[in-house]
C-alpha atoms as a PDB file:
ATOM      1  CA  MET A   1       5.217   5.498  18.187  1.00  0.00           C
ATOM      2  CA  GLY A   2       2.497   4.114  20.465  1.00  0.00           C
ATOM      3  CA  ASP A   3      -1.108   3.458  19.498  1.00  0.00           C
ATOM      4  CA  SER A   4      -2.267   6.399  21.614  1.00  0.00           C
ATOM      5  CA  GLU A   5      -0.446   8.704  19.160  1.00  0.00           C
ATOM      6  CA  LEU A   6      -2.009   7.057  16.113  1.00  0.00           C
ATOM      7  CA  PRO A   7      -5.162   8.666  14.669  1.00  0.00           C
ATOM      8  CA  ALA A   8      -8.197   6.357  14.826  1.00  0.00           C
ATOM      9  CA  GLU A   9      -8.592   6.340  11.033  1.00  0.00           C
ATOM     10  CA  ILE A  10      -4.983   5.143  10.621  1.00  0.00           C
ATOM     11  CA  LYS A  11      -5.325   2.488  13.316  1.00  0.00           C
ATOM     12  CA  LYS A  12      -8.414   1.191  11.487  1.00  0.00           C
ATOM     13  CA  LEU A  13      -6.513   1.340   8.173  1.00  0.00           C
ATOM     14  CA  ILE A  14      -3.758  -0.856   9.630  1.00  0.00           C
ATOM     15  CA  GLU A  15      -6.347  -3.339  10.896  1.00  0.00           C
ATOM     16  CA  GLN A  16      -8.063  -3.382   7.494  1.00  0.00           C
ATOM     17  CA  SER A  17      -4.762  -4.127   5.748  1.00  0.00           C
ATOM     18  CA  GLN A  18      -4.333  -7.175   7.969  1.00  0.00           C
ATOM     19  CA  GLU A  19      -7.840  -8.336   6.998  1.00  0.00           C
ATOM     20  CA  ALA A  20      -7.187  -7.627   3.302  1.00  0.00           C
ATOM     21  CA  LYS A  21      -4.255 -10.054   3.241  1.00  0.00           C
ATOM     22  CA  THR A  22      -6.636 -12.917   4.104  1.00  0.00           C
ATOM     23  CA  HIS A  23      -8.110 -12.535   0.617  1.00  0.00           C
ATOM     24  CA  ALA A  24      -4.758 -12.958  -1.151  1.00  0.00           C
ATOM     25  CA  TYR A  25      -4.599 -15.526  -3.941  1.00  0.00           C
ATOM     26  CA  CYS A  26      -1.059 -16.813  -3.582  1.00  0.00           C
ATOM     27  CA  PRO A  27      -0.765 -20.536  -4.393  1.00  0.00           C
ATOM     28  CA  HIS A  28       2.642 -19.942  -6.007  1.00  0.00           C
ATOM     29  CA  SER A  29       4.383 -17.450  -3.723  1.00  0.00           C
ATOM     30  CA  LYS A  30       2.656 -18.509  -0.486  1.00  0.00           C
ATOM     31  CA  PHE A  31       3.161 -14.865   0.544  1.00  0.00           C
ATOM     32  CA  HIS A  32      -0.025 -13.141   1.751  1.00  0.00           C
ATOM     33  CA  VAL A  33      -0.044  -9.354   1.407  1.00  0.00           C
ATOM     34  CA  GLY A  34      -2.831  -6.881   2.051  1.00  0.00           C
ATOM     35  CA  ALA A  35      -3.043  -3.135   1.528  1.00  0.00           C
ATOM     36  CA  SER A  36      -5.607  -0.571   2.568  1.00  0.00           C
ATOM     37  CA  LEU A  37      -5.611   2.813   0.861  1.00  0.00           C
ATOM     38  CA  LEU A  38      -7.257   5.846   2.464  1.00  0.00           C
ATOM     39  CA  THR A  39      -8.554   8.662   0.262  1.00  0.00           C
ATOM     40  CA  LYS A  40      -8.514  12.240   1.498  1.00  0.00           C
ATOM     41  CA  ASP A  41     -12.316  12.116   1.727  1.00  0.00           C
ATOM     42  CA  GLY A  42     -12.201   9.086   4.063  1.00  0.00           C
ATOM     43  CA  LYS A  43     -12.987   6.180   1.717  1.00  0.00           C
ATOM     44  CA  VAL A  44     -10.878   3.017   2.010  1.00  0.00           C
ATOM     45  CA  PHE A  45      -9.929   0.675  -0.817  1.00  0.00           C
ATOM     46  CA  ASN A  46      -8.497  -2.714   0.090  1.00  0.00           C
ATOM     47  CA  GLY A  47      -6.236  -4.788  -2.100  1.00  0.00           C
ATOM     48  CA  CYS A  48      -4.443  -8.097  -1.900  1.00  0.00           C
ATOM     49  CA  ASN A  49      -1.781  -9.784  -3.959  1.00  0.00           C
ATOM     50  CA  VAL A  50      -2.998 -12.036  -6.749  1.00  0.00           C
ATOM     51  CA  ASP A  51      -0.478 -14.591  -8.000  1.00  0.00           C
ATOM     52  CA  ASN A  52      -0.307 -16.087 -11.443  1.00  0.00           C
ATOM     53  CA  VAL A  53       1.734 -19.058 -12.589  1.00  0.00           C
ATOM     54  CA  SER A  54       3.225 -16.628 -15.127  1.00  0.00           C
ATOM     55  CA  HIS A  55       4.816 -14.508 -12.401  1.00  0.00           C
ATOM     56  CA  SER A  56       4.948 -11.280 -14.400  1.00  0.00           C
ATOM     57  CA  MET A  57       1.150 -11.416 -14.605  1.00  0.00           C
ATOM     58  CA  SER A  58       0.786 -11.263 -10.798  1.00  0.00           C
ATOM     59  CA  ILE A  59      -0.244  -8.062  -9.042  1.00  0.00           C
ATOM     60  CA  CYS A  60       0.814  -6.771  -5.653  1.00  0.00           C
ATOM     61  CA  ALA A  61      -1.645  -5.671  -2.980  1.00  0.00           C
ATOM     62  CA  GLU A  62      -0.590  -2.025  -3.131  1.00  0.00           C
ATOM     63  CA  ARG A  63      -1.227  -1.691  -6.865  1.00  0.00           C
ATOM     64  CA  CYS A  64      -4.479  -3.630  -6.504  1.00  0.00           C
ATOM     65  CA  ALA A  65      -5.734  -1.084  -3.936  1.00  0.00           C
ATOM     66  CA  PHE A  66      -4.643   1.907  -6.019  1.00  0.00           C
ATOM     67  CA  PHE A  67      -6.143   0.545  -9.232  1.00  0.00           C
ATOM     68  CA  LYS A  68      -9.457  -0.154  -7.498  1.00  0.00           C
ATOM     69  CA  ALA A  69      -9.559   3.406  -6.182  1.00  0.00           C
ATOM     70  CA  ILE A  70      -8.600   4.959  -9.513  1.00  0.00           C
ATOM     71  CA  SER A  71     -11.193   2.833 -11.344  1.00  0.00           C
ATOM     72  CA  GLU A  72     -13.847   4.206  -8.965  1.00  0.00           C
ATOM     73  CA  GLY A  73     -12.868   7.811  -9.758  1.00  0.00           C
ATOM     74  CA  HIS A  74     -10.686   8.636  -6.745  1.00  0.00           C
ATOM     75  CA  ARG A  75      -7.501  10.640  -7.228  1.00  0.00           C
ATOM     76  CA  ASP A  76      -6.612  12.172  -3.837  1.00  0.00           C
ATOM     77  CA  PHE A  77      -4.974   9.883  -1.313  1.00  0.00           C
ATOM     78  CA  LYS A  78      -3.873  10.332   2.277  1.00  0.00           C
ATOM     79  CA  ALA A  79      -2.321   7.053   3.440  1.00  0.00           C
ATOM     80  CA  ILE A  80      -1.759   3.387   2.716  1.00  0.00           C
ATOM     81  CA  ALA A  81      -1.116   0.524   5.135  1.00  0.00           C
ATOM     82  CA  VAL A  82       0.644  -2.625   3.940  1.00  0.00           C
ATOM     83  CA  ALA A  83       0.490  -5.960   5.779  1.00  0.00           C
ATOM     84  CA  SER A  84       1.999  -9.418   5.475  1.00  0.00           C
ATOM     85  CA  ASP A  85       2.537 -12.479   7.638  1.00  0.00           C
ATOM     86  CA  MET A  86       6.162 -11.521   8.329  1.00  0.00           C
ATOM     87  CA  ALA A  87       6.510 -11.129  12.084  1.00  0.00           C
ATOM     88  CA  ASP A  88      10.243 -10.458  12.213  1.00  0.00           C
ATOM     89  CA  LYS A  89      10.362  -7.347   9.997  1.00  0.00           C
ATOM     90  CA  PHE A  90       8.155  -4.761   8.341  1.00  0.00           C
ATOM     91  CA  ILE A  91       7.069  -5.468   4.790  1.00  0.00           C
ATOM     92  CA  SER A  92       8.167  -2.891   2.245  1.00  0.00           C
ATOM     93  CA  PRO A  93       6.613  -2.290  -1.196  1.00  0.00           C
ATOM     94  CA  CYS A  94       8.490  -3.543  -4.249  1.00  0.00           C
ATOM     95  CA  GLY A  95       9.959  -1.126  -6.783  1.00  0.00           C
ATOM     96  CA  ALA A  96       7.019  -1.367  -9.185  1.00  0.00           C
ATOM     97  CA  CYS A  97       4.578  -0.584  -6.383  1.00  0.00           C
ATOM     98  CA  ARG A  98       6.717   2.295  -5.161  1.00  0.00           C
ATOM     99  CA  GLN A  99       6.649   3.858  -8.609  1.00  0.00           C
ATOM    100  CA  VAL A 100       2.859   3.495  -8.914  1.00  0.00           C
ATOM    101  CA  MET A 101       2.317   4.726  -5.355  1.00  0.00           C
ATOM    102  CA  TYR A 102       4.523   7.771  -5.970  1.00  0.00           C
ATOM    103  CA  GLU A 103       2.843   8.698  -9.240  1.00  0.00           C
ATOM    104  CA  LEU A 104      -0.716   8.197  -7.987  1.00  0.00           C
ATOM    105  CA  GLY A 105      -0.294   9.111  -4.318  1.00  0.00           C
ATOM    106  CA  GLY A 106       2.427  11.731  -4.442  1.00  0.00           C
ATOM    107  CA  LYS A 107       5.563  12.253  -2.435  1.00  0.00           C
ATOM    108  CA  ASP A 108       3.646  13.112   0.762  1.00  0.00           C
ATOM    109  CA  LEU A 109       1.544   9.928   0.832  1.00  0.00           C
ATOM    110  CA  GLU A 110       1.823   8.405   4.311  1.00  0.00           C
ATOM    111  CA  VAL A 111       2.894   4.760   4.185  1.00  0.00           C
ATOM    112  CA  TYR A 112       2.390   2.477   7.181  1.00  0.00           C
ATOM    113  CA  LEU A 113       4.473  -0.704   7.082  1.00  0.00           C
ATOM    114  CA  THR A 114       2.944  -3.233   9.459  1.00  0.00           C
ATOM    115  CA  LYS A 115       3.397  -6.593  11.155  1.00  0.00           C
ATOM    116  CA  PRO A 116       0.725  -9.150  12.155  1.00  0.00           C
ATOM    117  CA  ASP A 117       0.822  -7.904  15.780  1.00  0.00           C
ATOM    118  CA  LEU A 118      -0.380  -4.499  14.433  1.00  0.00           C
ATOM    119  CA  SER A 119       2.941  -2.823  15.152  1.00  0.00           C
ATOM    120  CA  TRP A 120       3.778  -0.277  12.498  1.00  0.00           C
ATOM    121  CA  LYS A 121       6.385   2.035  11.034  1.00  0.00           C
ATOM    122  CA  ARG A 122       5.385   5.291   9.333  1.00  0.00           C
ATOM    123  CA  THR A 123       7.202   6.609   6.302  1.00  0.00           C
ATOM    124  CA  THR A 124       6.341   8.650   3.219  1.00  0.00           C
ATOM    125  CA  MET A 125       6.663   8.023  -0.483  1.00  0.00           C
ATOM    126  CA  GLU A 126       9.376  10.667  -0.660  1.00  0.00           C
ATOM    127  CA  GLU A 127      11.425   8.596   1.808  1.00  0.00           C
ATOM    128  CA  LEU A 128      10.677   5.293   0.056  1.00  0.00           C
ATOM    129  CA  MET A 129      11.223   6.665  -3.444  1.00  0.00           C
ATOM    130  CA  PRO A 130      13.765   9.508  -3.310  1.00  0.00           C
ATOM    131  CA  LEU A 131      14.494   9.414  -7.053  1.00  0.00           C
ATOM    132  CA  PRO A 132      11.191   8.592  -8.775  1.00  0.00           C
ATOM    133  CA  PHE A 133      10.741   8.257 -12.491  1.00  0.00           C
ATOM    134  CA  ASP A 134       8.625  11.339 -13.117  1.00  0.00           C
ATOM    135  CA  GLU A 135       9.917  12.778 -16.372  1.00  0.00           C
ATOM    136  CA  PHE A 136       6.436  12.666 -17.906  1.00  0.00           C
ATOM    137  CA  LYS A 137       5.093  14.965 -15.200  1.00  0.00           C
ATOM    138  CA  VAL A 138       7.943  17.402 -15.817  1.00  0.00           C
ATOM    139  CA  ALA A 139       7.463  17.240 -19.589  1.00  0.00           C
ATOM    140  CA  SER A 140       3.727  17.926 -19.301  1.00  0.00           C
ATOM    141  CA  LYS A 141       4.107  21.096 -17.174  1.00  0.00           C
END
């Protein structure tokens, strides 16, 4: 899909995700990741990965962006763009991030996987997470 077909707010979101990765704290992984999350009312929350020497204590950029938005009272999300320094392939969220993104963003959340040259691939959470763990949602209905 060419840039001319990309809505301006999504193009800006992709650019912001590239900027967000510059804030990553990654002395251990050396892997810079940024994410920009767009709410349905047009607000953007940026996140970056934050490493910890105790690897399980690290947080990915996608969860960072979602947790910032949730902590500010936002619950309705439209899209997220994810960026890294990988030029040869699109970055894809890890399993933990996919689960959080599905639960908080829903199956229709637009996900833009990006490269440093601003090329992108659009997908949805339903495509990335076809069999989510959502038994608590079912049990609470």
